[in-house]
N, C-alpha and C. Protein backbone atom coordinates (compact mmCIF):
# COMPACT_ATOMS: atom_id res chain seq x y z
N MET A 1 -3.39 20.89 -4.39
CA MET A 1 -3.55 20.80 -3.69
C MET A 1 -2.77 19.60 -2.59
N ALA A 2 -2.52 18.92 -2.71
CA ALA A 2 -1.89 18.12 -1.89
C ALA A 2 -1.63 17.61 -0.25
N ASN A 3 -2.39 16.53 0.42
CA ASN A 3 -2.22 16.15 1.48
C ASN A 3 -1.34 14.99 1.17
N ASN A 4 -0.56 15.22 1.96
CA ASN A 4 1.02 14.51 2.65
C ASN A 4 0.58 13.82 3.69
N ILE A 5 0.61 12.23 3.69
CA ILE A 5 0.71 11.17 4.91
C ILE A 5 1.00 10.33 4.89
N ALA A 6 1.98 10.28 6.31
CA ALA A 6 2.66 8.59 6.99
C ALA A 6 2.22 7.85 8.31
N PHE A 7 2.31 7.04 7.98
CA PHE A 7 1.68 6.61 9.56
C PHE A 7 3.13 4.95 9.20
N THR A 8 3.42 4.81 10.02
CA THR A 8 4.39 3.36 10.31
C THR A 8 3.97 3.03 11.76
N THR A 9 4.59 1.63 11.62
CA THR A 9 3.80 0.25 13.11
C THR A 9 4.96 -0.62 12.75
N PRO A 10 5.47 -1.10 13.48
CA PRO A 10 5.88 -2.38 14.45
C PRO A 10 5.55 -3.45 13.02
N LEU A 11 6.41 -4.60 12.35
CA LEU A 11 5.48 -4.81 12.26
C LEU A 11 5.22 -6.03 12.45
N ASN A 12 6.38 -6.64 13.76
CA ASN A 12 6.65 -7.92 14.83
C ASN A 12 6.54 -7.46 16.28
N PRO A 13 5.07 -6.27 16.57
CA PRO A 13 4.80 -6.03 17.77
C PRO A 13 5.62 -6.95 19.56
N PRO A 14 5.84 -6.98 19.99
CA PRO A 14 5.50 -7.55 21.29
C PRO A 14 4.33 -8.61 21.50
N GLY A 15 5.03 -9.60 21.25
CA GLY A 15 3.66 -10.95 21.65
C GLY A 15 3.30 -11.17 20.13
N ALA A 16 3.07 -10.63 18.97
CA ALA A 16 2.94 -11.19 18.48
C ALA A 16 3.42 -11.78 17.32
N THR A 17 2.30 -13.02 17.27
CA THR A 17 2.40 -14.49 16.43
C THR A 17 2.19 -14.93 14.77
N PRO A 18 2.75 -15.32 14.01
CA PRO A 18 3.91 -15.42 13.82
C PRO A 18 4.22 -14.25 14.27
N ILE A 19 6.24 -14.51 13.66
CA ILE A 19 6.99 -13.27 13.62
C ILE A 19 7.11 -13.02 11.92
N LEU A 20 7.04 -12.64 10.91
CA LEU A 20 7.30 -11.86 9.83
C LEU A 20 8.54 -11.67 9.69
N LYS A 21 9.32 -12.50 8.54
CA LYS A 21 10.19 -12.33 8.04
C LYS A 21 10.49 -11.38 6.66
N ARG A 22 11.15 -10.61 6.59
CA ARG A 22 10.54 -9.69 5.55
C ARG A 22 10.91 -10.45 4.06
N GLU A 23 10.91 -11.62 3.83
CA GLU A 23 10.97 -12.04 2.61
C GLU A 23 9.40 -12.72 2.61
N GLN A 24 8.83 -13.15 3.82
CA GLN A 24 7.40 -13.28 3.63
C GLN A 24 6.73 -12.02 3.24
N ILE A 25 6.76 -10.86 3.89
CA ILE A 25 6.70 -9.90 4.07
C ILE A 25 6.24 -9.03 2.59
N TRP A 26 8.03 -9.09 1.76
CA TRP A 26 7.08 -8.92 0.20
C TRP A 26 7.06 -9.65 -0.65
N VAL A 27 6.92 -10.97 -0.41
CA VAL A 27 6.09 -11.54 -1.32
C VAL A 27 4.43 -11.29 -1.07
N GLY A 28 4.40 -10.77 0.48
CA GLY A 28 2.85 -10.76 0.48
C GLY A 28 2.74 -8.76 -0.37
N LEU A 29 3.38 -8.23 0.02
CA LEU A 29 3.42 -6.89 -1.20
C LEU A 29 3.31 -6.92 -3.18
N LEU A 30 3.84 -8.07 -2.88
CA LEU A 30 3.76 -8.09 -4.54
C LEU A 30 2.13 -8.72 -4.38
N LEU A 31 1.97 -9.88 -3.86
CA LEU A 31 0.38 -10.26 -3.88
C LEU A 31 -0.62 -9.26 -3.88
N LYS A 32 -0.20 -7.97 -3.01
CA LYS A 32 -0.41 -6.56 -2.71
C LYS A 32 -0.88 -6.28 -3.78
N ILE A 33 -0.06 -5.61 -4.89
CA ILE A 33 -0.07 -5.58 -5.95
C ILE A 33 -0.92 -6.22 -6.73
N ARG A 34 -1.46 -7.83 -6.64
CA ARG A 34 -2.59 -8.44 -7.71
C ARG A 34 -3.98 -7.93 -7.09
N SER A 35 -3.95 -8.10 -6.12
CA SER A 35 -5.27 -8.62 -5.16
C SER A 35 -4.85 -7.27 -3.68
N ALA A 36 -5.27 -6.42 -4.57
CA ALA A 36 -5.41 -5.23 -2.90
C ALA A 36 -6.74 -5.96 -2.14
N GLU A 37 -8.06 -5.62 -2.90
CA GLU A 37 -8.73 -5.79 -2.01
C GLU A 37 -8.57 -7.61 -0.96
N ALA A 38 -7.56 -7.93 -1.06
CA ALA A 38 -7.59 -8.80 0.77
C ALA A 38 -6.93 -8.12 1.14
N PHE A 39 -6.44 -6.93 1.06
CA PHE A 39 -5.61 -6.12 1.58
C PHE A 39 -6.31 -5.12 2.68
N VAL A 40 -6.74 -4.51 1.86
CA VAL A 40 -7.48 -3.32 2.54
C VAL A 40 -8.66 -3.13 1.50
N PRO A 41 -9.79 -4.28 1.85
CA PRO A 41 -11.22 -4.82 1.56
C PRO A 41 -12.45 -3.79 2.21
N ALA A 42 -11.68 -2.49 2.80
CA ALA A 42 -12.56 -2.17 3.21
C ALA A 42 -12.86 -0.53 2.05
N ALA A 43 -11.29 -0.17 1.30
CA ALA A 43 -11.42 0.82 0.39
C ALA A 43 -11.23 0.40 -1.07
N ILE A 44 -10.61 -0.80 -1.68
CA ILE A 44 -10.49 -1.46 -2.90
C ILE A 44 -11.60 -2.82 -2.38
N GLN A 45 -12.43 -2.59 -3.73
CA GLN A 45 -13.26 -3.43 -4.23
C GLN A 45 -12.74 -4.73 -5.08
N SER A 46 -11.98 -4.32 -6.20
CA SER A 46 -11.45 -4.92 -6.74
C SER A 46 -10.11 -5.17 -7.84
N THR A 47 -9.77 -6.06 -8.00
CA THR A 47 -8.28 -5.71 -8.85
C THR A 47 -7.88 -5.99 -10.11
N SER A 48 -7.53 -4.99 -11.03
CA SER A 48 -8.01 -5.55 -12.67
C SER A 48 -6.39 -5.55 -12.65
N VAL A 49 -5.41 -6.51 -13.29
CA VAL A 49 -4.12 -6.45 -13.97
C VAL A 49 -4.51 -6.44 -15.45
N LEU A 50 -3.80 -5.28 -16.03
CA LEU A 50 -3.78 -4.50 -17.41
C LEU A 50 -2.46 -5.59 -18.34
N ALA A 51 -1.41 -4.71 -17.67
CA ALA A 51 -0.57 -5.26 -18.28
C ALA A 51 1.16 -5.61 -16.58
N GLU A 52 2.15 -6.22 -16.93
CA GLU A 52 3.02 -6.68 -15.96
C GLU A 52 4.60 -6.69 -17.61
N PHE A 53 5.41 -5.49 -17.19
CA PHE A 53 6.70 -5.47 -17.13
C PHE A 53 7.47 -5.12 -16.44
N ALA A 54 8.54 -5.24 -17.57
CA ALA A 54 9.93 -4.46 -16.52
C ALA A 54 10.36 -3.24 -16.84
N ASP A 55 10.67 -2.48 -16.23
CA ASP A 55 11.01 -1.20 -16.65
C ASP A 55 12.25 -0.83 -17.14
N PRO A 56 12.73 -0.98 -18.39
CA PRO A 56 13.79 -1.15 -19.56
C PRO A 56 14.90 -0.09 -18.42
N ALA A 57 14.94 0.60 -18.23
CA ALA A 57 16.02 1.00 -17.07
C ALA A 57 16.52 1.02 -15.72
N THR A 58 15.62 0.01 -15.26
CA THR A 58 16.33 -0.19 -13.73
C THR A 58 15.77 -1.65 -13.46
N GLY A 59 15.37 -2.55 -14.54
CA GLY A 59 14.95 -3.86 -14.34
C GLY A 59 13.92 -4.11 -13.35
N ASN A 60 13.23 -3.05 -12.83
CA ASN A 60 11.95 -3.05 -11.83
C ASN A 60 10.85 -3.79 -12.07
N PRO A 61 10.57 -4.46 -11.56
CA PRO A 61 8.49 -5.04 -11.77
C PRO A 61 7.81 -3.88 -12.27
N VAL A 62 7.38 -3.94 -13.10
CA VAL A 62 5.73 -2.29 -13.22
C VAL A 62 4.91 -3.18 -13.46
N THR A 63 3.98 -3.03 -13.07
CA THR A 63 2.21 -3.08 -13.04
C THR A 63 1.13 -2.39 -13.84
N ILE A 64 0.96 -2.92 -14.14
CA ILE A 64 -0.95 -1.36 -15.02
C ILE A 64 -1.42 -2.19 -14.13
N ARG A 65 -2.92 -1.74 -13.40
CA ARG A 65 -3.44 -2.00 -12.99
C ARG A 65 -4.59 -1.35 -12.80
N GLU A 66 -5.69 -1.66 -12.78
CA GLU A 66 -7.26 -1.30 -12.49
C GLU A 66 -7.81 -1.53 -10.73
N VAL A 67 -8.17 -1.01 -10.44
CA VAL A 67 -8.80 -0.55 -9.22
C VAL A 67 -9.87 -0.33 -8.95
N ILE A 68 -10.78 -0.93 -8.29
CA ILE A 68 -12.28 0.12 -8.18
C ILE A 68 -12.33 -0.32 -6.60
N PHE A 69 -12.27 1.58 -6.42
CA PHE A 69 -12.27 1.72 -4.97
C PHE A 69 -13.93 1.40 -4.88
N ARG A 70 -14.42 0.85 -3.54
CA ARG A 70 -15.57 0.93 -3.34
C ARG A 70 -15.92 2.20 -2.70
N GLU A 71 -15.98 3.15 -2.33
CA GLU A 71 -16.70 4.83 -2.48
C GLU A 71 -16.53 5.28 -4.09
N ASN A 72 -17.74 5.24 -3.92
CA ASN A 72 -18.43 5.44 -5.74
C ASN A 72 -18.18 5.02 -6.74
N GLN A 73 -17.35 3.80 -6.92
CA GLN A 73 -17.55 2.62 -7.62
C GLN A 73 -16.37 3.06 -8.16
N ARG A 74 -15.17 4.52 -7.93
CA ARG A 74 -14.47 4.69 -8.62
C ARG A 74 -13.51 3.98 -9.70
N LYS A 75 -13.23 3.79 -10.70
CA LYS A 75 -12.61 3.44 -11.45
C LYS A 75 -10.57 4.10 -11.23
N VAL A 76 -9.49 3.78 -10.79
CA VAL A 76 -8.60 3.94 -11.38
C VAL A 76 -7.32 3.28 -12.09
N GLN A 77 -6.78 3.82 -12.43
CA GLN A 77 -5.70 2.61 -13.02
C GLN A 77 -4.86 3.41 -12.87
N GLU A 78 -4.10 2.79 -11.86
CA GLU A 78 -2.23 2.74 -11.52
C GLU A 78 -1.57 1.81 -12.23
N THR A 79 -0.22 2.39 -11.58
CA THR A 79 1.25 2.43 -12.13
C THR A 79 1.51 1.64 -10.98
N VAL A 80 2.23 0.50 -11.45
CA VAL A 80 2.87 -0.25 -9.84
C VAL A 80 4.49 -0.38 -9.72
N THR A 81 5.22 -0.07 -9.00
CA THR A 81 6.93 -0.26 -9.12
C THR A 81 7.23 -1.07 -8.22
N ALA A 82 8.09 -1.82 -8.18
CA ALA A 82 8.48 -2.08 -7.05
C ALA A 82 9.77 -2.19 -7.30
N TYR A 83 10.33 -2.26 -5.82
CA TYR A 83 11.65 -2.06 -5.36
C TYR A 83 12.20 -2.83 -4.70
N GLU A 84 12.63 -4.28 -4.64
CA GLU A 84 13.32 -5.41 -3.92
C GLU A 84 13.92 -4.93 -3.35
N ASP A 85 14.08 -5.21 -2.27
CA ASP A 85 12.79 -5.90 -0.68
C ASP A 85 11.85 -4.88 -0.02
N ILE A 86 12.69 -3.35 -0.44
CA ILE A 86 11.91 -2.33 0.45
C ILE A 86 10.88 -1.98 -0.02
N ARG A 87 9.84 -1.17 -1.19
CA ARG A 87 9.53 -0.50 -1.53
C ARG A 87 8.37 -0.77 -2.79
N VAL A 88 7.19 -0.41 -2.26
CA VAL A 88 6.14 -0.41 -3.48
C VAL A 88 5.60 0.58 -3.46
N ASP A 89 5.39 1.58 -5.44
CA ASP A 89 5.09 2.64 -5.07
C ASP A 89 3.99 2.36 -6.18
N PHE A 90 2.78 3.38 -6.23
CA PHE A 90 1.15 3.17 -6.87
C PHE A 90 1.27 4.69 -7.31
N VAL A 91 1.21 4.46 -8.66
CA VAL A 91 0.60 5.91 -9.18
C VAL A 91 0.30 6.22 -9.74
N GLN A 92 -1.13 6.91 -9.42
CA GLN A 92 -2.69 7.60 -10.43
C GLN A 92 -2.37 8.24 -11.45
N PRO A 93 -3.11 8.25 -12.00
CA PRO A 93 -3.08 9.52 -13.34
C PRO A 93 -3.30 10.53 -13.00
N ASP A 94 -3.64 11.40 -11.70
CA ASP A 94 -4.01 12.57 -10.98
C ASP A 94 -2.57 12.91 -10.55
N GLY A 95 -1.53 11.90 -10.49
CA GLY A 95 -0.37 12.71 -9.84
C GLY A 95 0.14 11.75 -8.45
N SER A 96 -1.47 11.22 -7.62
CA SER A 96 -1.60 10.63 -6.57
C SER A 96 -0.16 9.89 -6.73
N LEU A 97 0.53 9.76 -5.74
CA LEU A 97 1.63 8.21 -5.52
C LEU A 97 1.33 7.91 -3.67
N ILE A 98 1.38 6.54 -3.79
CA ILE A 98 1.11 5.78 -2.89
C ILE A 98 2.38 5.07 -2.16
N SER A 99 3.14 5.58 -1.08
CA SER A 99 3.88 3.60 -1.33
C SER A 99 3.67 2.93 0.12
N ASN A 100 4.24 1.43 -0.20
CA ASN A 100 4.92 1.44 1.07
C ASN A 100 6.15 0.41 1.19
N VAL A 101 6.35 0.82 2.17
CA VAL A 101 7.84 0.89 2.83
C VAL A 101 8.48 0.01 3.63
N VAL A 102 8.86 -1.05 3.74
CA VAL A 102 9.31 -1.67 4.78
C VAL A 102 11.05 -1.16 4.72
N SER A 103 10.62 -1.02 6.60
CA SER A 103 12.70 -0.69 6.84
C SER A 103 12.37 -0.89 8.12
N GLU A 104 13.75 -0.83 9.07
CA GLU A 104 14.40 -1.81 10.00
C GLU A 104 15.82 -0.45 10.79
N ASP A 105 14.83 -0.88 12.18
CA ASP A 105 15.53 -0.13 12.70
C ASP A 105 16.99 -0.47 13.02
N ALA A 106 17.22 0.57 13.88
CA ALA A 106 19.00 0.01 14.79
C ALA A 106 19.16 -1.36 15.15
N ASP A 107 18.11 -1.73 15.74
CA ASP A 107 18.18 -3.15 16.88
C ASP A 107 18.04 -4.50 15.44
N GLY A 108 17.29 -3.93 13.85
CA GLY A 108 17.07 -4.73 12.86
C GLY A 108 15.52 -5.41 13.07
N GLU A 109 14.47 -3.85 13.60
CA GLU A 109 12.99 -4.72 14.18
C GLU A 109 12.86 -4.45 12.79
N LEU A 110 11.50 -4.68 12.09
CA LEU A 110 10.74 -4.31 11.10
C LEU A 110 9.56 -3.66 11.02
N TYR A 111 9.53 -2.63 9.99
CA TYR A 111 8.69 -2.17 10.14
C TYR A 111 7.86 -1.45 9.05
N LEU A 112 6.59 -1.43 8.74
CA LEU A 112 5.80 -0.87 7.03
C LEU A 112 5.29 0.26 7.73
N THR A 113 5.72 0.98 6.83
CA THR A 113 5.11 2.40 5.97
C THR A 113 4.69 2.92 5.22
N TYR A 114 3.79 3.48 5.24
CA TYR A 114 2.69 3.58 4.10
C TYR A 114 2.79 5.30 3.88
N ILE A 115 2.88 5.72 2.57
CA ILE A 115 3.10 6.85 2.13
C ILE A 115 2.67 7.71 1.32
N PHE A 116 1.67 8.58 1.79
CA PHE A 116 0.99 8.47 1.03
C PHE A 116 0.77 10.31 0.10
N GLU A 117 0.92 10.51 -1.07
CA GLU A 117 0.61 12.07 -1.80
C GLU A 117 -1.10 11.82 -2.51
N TRP A 118 -1.66 12.44 -1.17
CA TRP A 118 -2.98 12.74 -2.40
C TRP A 118 -3.30 13.89 -2.90
N ARG A 119 -3.81 14.11 -3.86
CA ARG A 119 -3.71 14.74 -5.20
C ARG A 119 -5.02 15.26 -4.56
N HIS A 120 -5.24 16.54 -4.44
CA HIS A 120 -6.82 17.28 -4.77
C HIS A 120 -6.89 18.18 -5.56
N PRO A 121 -7.29 18.68 -7.17
CA PRO A 121 -6.59 19.75 -8.00
C PRO A 121 -8.15 20.07 -8.11
N GLY A 122 -8.11 21.93 -7.52
CA GLY A 122 -9.53 22.65 -6.85
C GLY A 122 -9.66 22.31 -6.29
N VAL A 123 -9.86 21.94 -4.70
CA VAL A 123 -10.88 21.13 -3.69
C VAL A 123 -10.35 22.87 -2.76
N SER A 124 -10.95 23.65 -2.60
CA SER A 124 -10.67 24.42 -1.06
C SER A 124 -10.36 24.06 0.12
N LYS A 125 -9.29 25.17 0.73
CA LYS A 125 -8.38 24.58 2.26
C LYS A 125 -8.96 24.01 2.75
N GLU A 126 -10.65 24.44 2.89
CA GLU A 126 -11.58 23.40 4.17
C GLU A 126 -11.69 21.90 3.92
N GLU A 127 -11.69 21.68 2.42
CA GLU A 127 -12.07 20.81 1.79
C GLU A 127 -11.01 19.71 2.11
N LEU A 128 -9.74 20.36 1.82
CA LEU A 128 -8.59 20.03 1.61
C LEU A 128 -8.26 19.36 3.50
N LEU A 129 -8.64 20.51 4.30
CA LEU A 129 -8.49 19.81 5.30
C LEU A 129 -9.61 18.85 5.71
N ALA A 130 -10.28 18.18 5.59
CA ALA A 130 -11.66 18.07 5.77
C ALA A 130 -10.96 15.70 5.19
N LEU A 131 -10.79 16.54 4.06
CA LEU A 131 -9.99 15.10 3.05
C LEU A 131 -8.75 14.83 4.25
N ARG A 132 -7.80 15.08 4.47
CA ARG A 132 -7.34 14.89 5.30
C ARG A 132 -7.26 14.41 6.23
N GLU A 133 -8.53 14.53 7.54
CA GLU A 133 -8.37 14.07 8.42
C GLU A 133 -9.03 12.34 8.16
N LYS A 134 -9.67 12.07 6.92
CA LYS A 134 -10.39 11.06 6.33
C LYS A 134 -8.89 9.86 5.67
N GLU A 135 -8.52 10.98 5.06
CA GLU A 135 -7.29 10.25 5.13
C GLU A 135 -6.13 9.56 5.75
N LYS A 136 -6.01 10.58 6.87
CA LYS A 136 -5.48 10.11 7.80
C LYS A 136 -5.89 8.27 8.43
N LYS A 137 -6.94 8.49 8.65
CA LYS A 137 -8.18 7.38 9.01
C LYS A 137 -7.55 6.25 8.33
N THR A 138 -7.96 6.12 7.11
CA THR A 138 -7.24 5.66 5.91
C THR A 138 -6.18 4.79 6.30
N SER A 139 -5.04 5.50 5.90
CA SER A 139 -3.77 5.24 6.00
C SER A 139 -3.26 4.10 7.34
N LYS A 140 -3.66 4.95 8.41
CA LYS A 140 -3.27 3.61 9.87
C LYS A 140 -4.08 2.49 9.33
N LEU A 141 -4.90 2.60 9.00
CA LEU A 141 -6.27 1.13 8.61
C LEU A 141 -5.91 0.65 7.89
N ALA A 142 -5.11 0.62 6.77
CA ALA A 142 -4.69 0.09 5.59
C ALA A 142 -2.85 -0.76 5.79
N VAL A 143 -1.83 0.34 7.01
CA VAL A 143 -1.68 -0.08 7.40
C VAL A 143 -1.65 -1.38 8.37
N GLU A 144 -2.16 -1.68 9.06
CA GLU A 144 -2.87 -2.14 10.12
C GLU A 144 -3.16 -3.53 9.50
N GLY A 145 -4.40 -2.78 8.01
CA GLY A 145 -4.77 -3.88 7.28
C GLY A 145 -4.05 -4.99 6.70
N THR A 146 -2.88 -4.19 6.51
CA THR A 146 -2.45 -4.66 5.78
C THR A 146 -1.27 -6.05 6.74
N ILE A 147 -0.98 -5.60 7.42
CA ILE A 147 -0.24 -6.65 8.48
C ILE A 147 -0.85 -7.68 9.36
N THR A 148 -1.96 -7.30 9.41
CA THR A 148 -3.10 -9.10 9.68
C THR A 148 -3.35 -9.40 9.14
N VAL A 149 -3.72 -8.89 7.43
CA VAL A 149 -3.53 -9.95 6.57
C VAL A 149 -2.26 -10.70 5.84
N LEU A 150 -1.46 -10.50 5.97
CA LEU A 150 0.39 -10.71 5.79
C LEU A 150 0.66 -11.80 7.63
N ARG A 151 0.11 -11.51 8.29
CA ARG A 151 0.93 -12.52 9.79
C ARG A 151 -0.28 -13.79 9.36
N GLU A 152 -2.16 -13.17 8.90
CA GLU A 152 -2.60 -14.69 8.40
C GLU A 152 -2.43 -15.63 7.37
N LEU A 153 -1.88 -14.66 6.23
CA LEU A 153 -1.69 -15.92 4.86
C LEU A 153 -0.36 -16.65 5.90
N VAL A 154 0.53 -15.85 6.48
CA VAL A 154 1.92 -17.08 7.47
C VAL A 154 1.04 -17.89 8.14
N LYS A 155 0.42 -18.04 8.36
CA LYS A 155 -0.36 -18.68 9.73
C LYS A 155 -1.09 -19.97 9.07
N SER A 156 -1.47 -19.47 8.04
CA SER A 156 -2.03 -20.44 6.39
C SER A 156 -1.52 -21.33 5.68
N GLY A 157 0.10 -20.49 5.85
CA GLY A 157 0.87 -21.68 4.99
C GLY A 157 1.04 -21.13 3.87
N LYS A 158 0.25 -19.58 3.82
CA LYS A 158 -0.32 -19.93 1.56
C LYS A 158 1.60 -18.35 1.44
N LEU A 159 2.32 -18.27 2.64
CA LEU A 159 3.02 -17.37 2.62
C LEU A 159 4.64 -17.56 3.53
């Protein structure tokens, strides 16, 4: 059983300052791989990088990391692959997949989408529905929180 959820929001809505550039967004997403707690502090307590290497088939950077989730102090080892300058995939041992995707519309406006495939083996349909509502809220907070942090990093000159 799995919940598939996606949430998209503009990176530079009207009135937002500073305007985030693709290069800044990409550097920020790479930083998020190493320090997820800075971007989603409500969900992730800490990030430890265990290994880094290039995928031999594609050359894409791969990071093996361990995150500690605040809820239940759950430790999860994730394999993270970056696809410059569009997408970062986070794969968990149970097969759950989270993708952070930077896209643009026909006018060149940038958007950030998080796609979640949360796997929940052995749960009932009722439990899956309850988890889905919680995960929808989490996805919205994760996207919006990441954009807030990106903008703060640009304002402070760190991106």
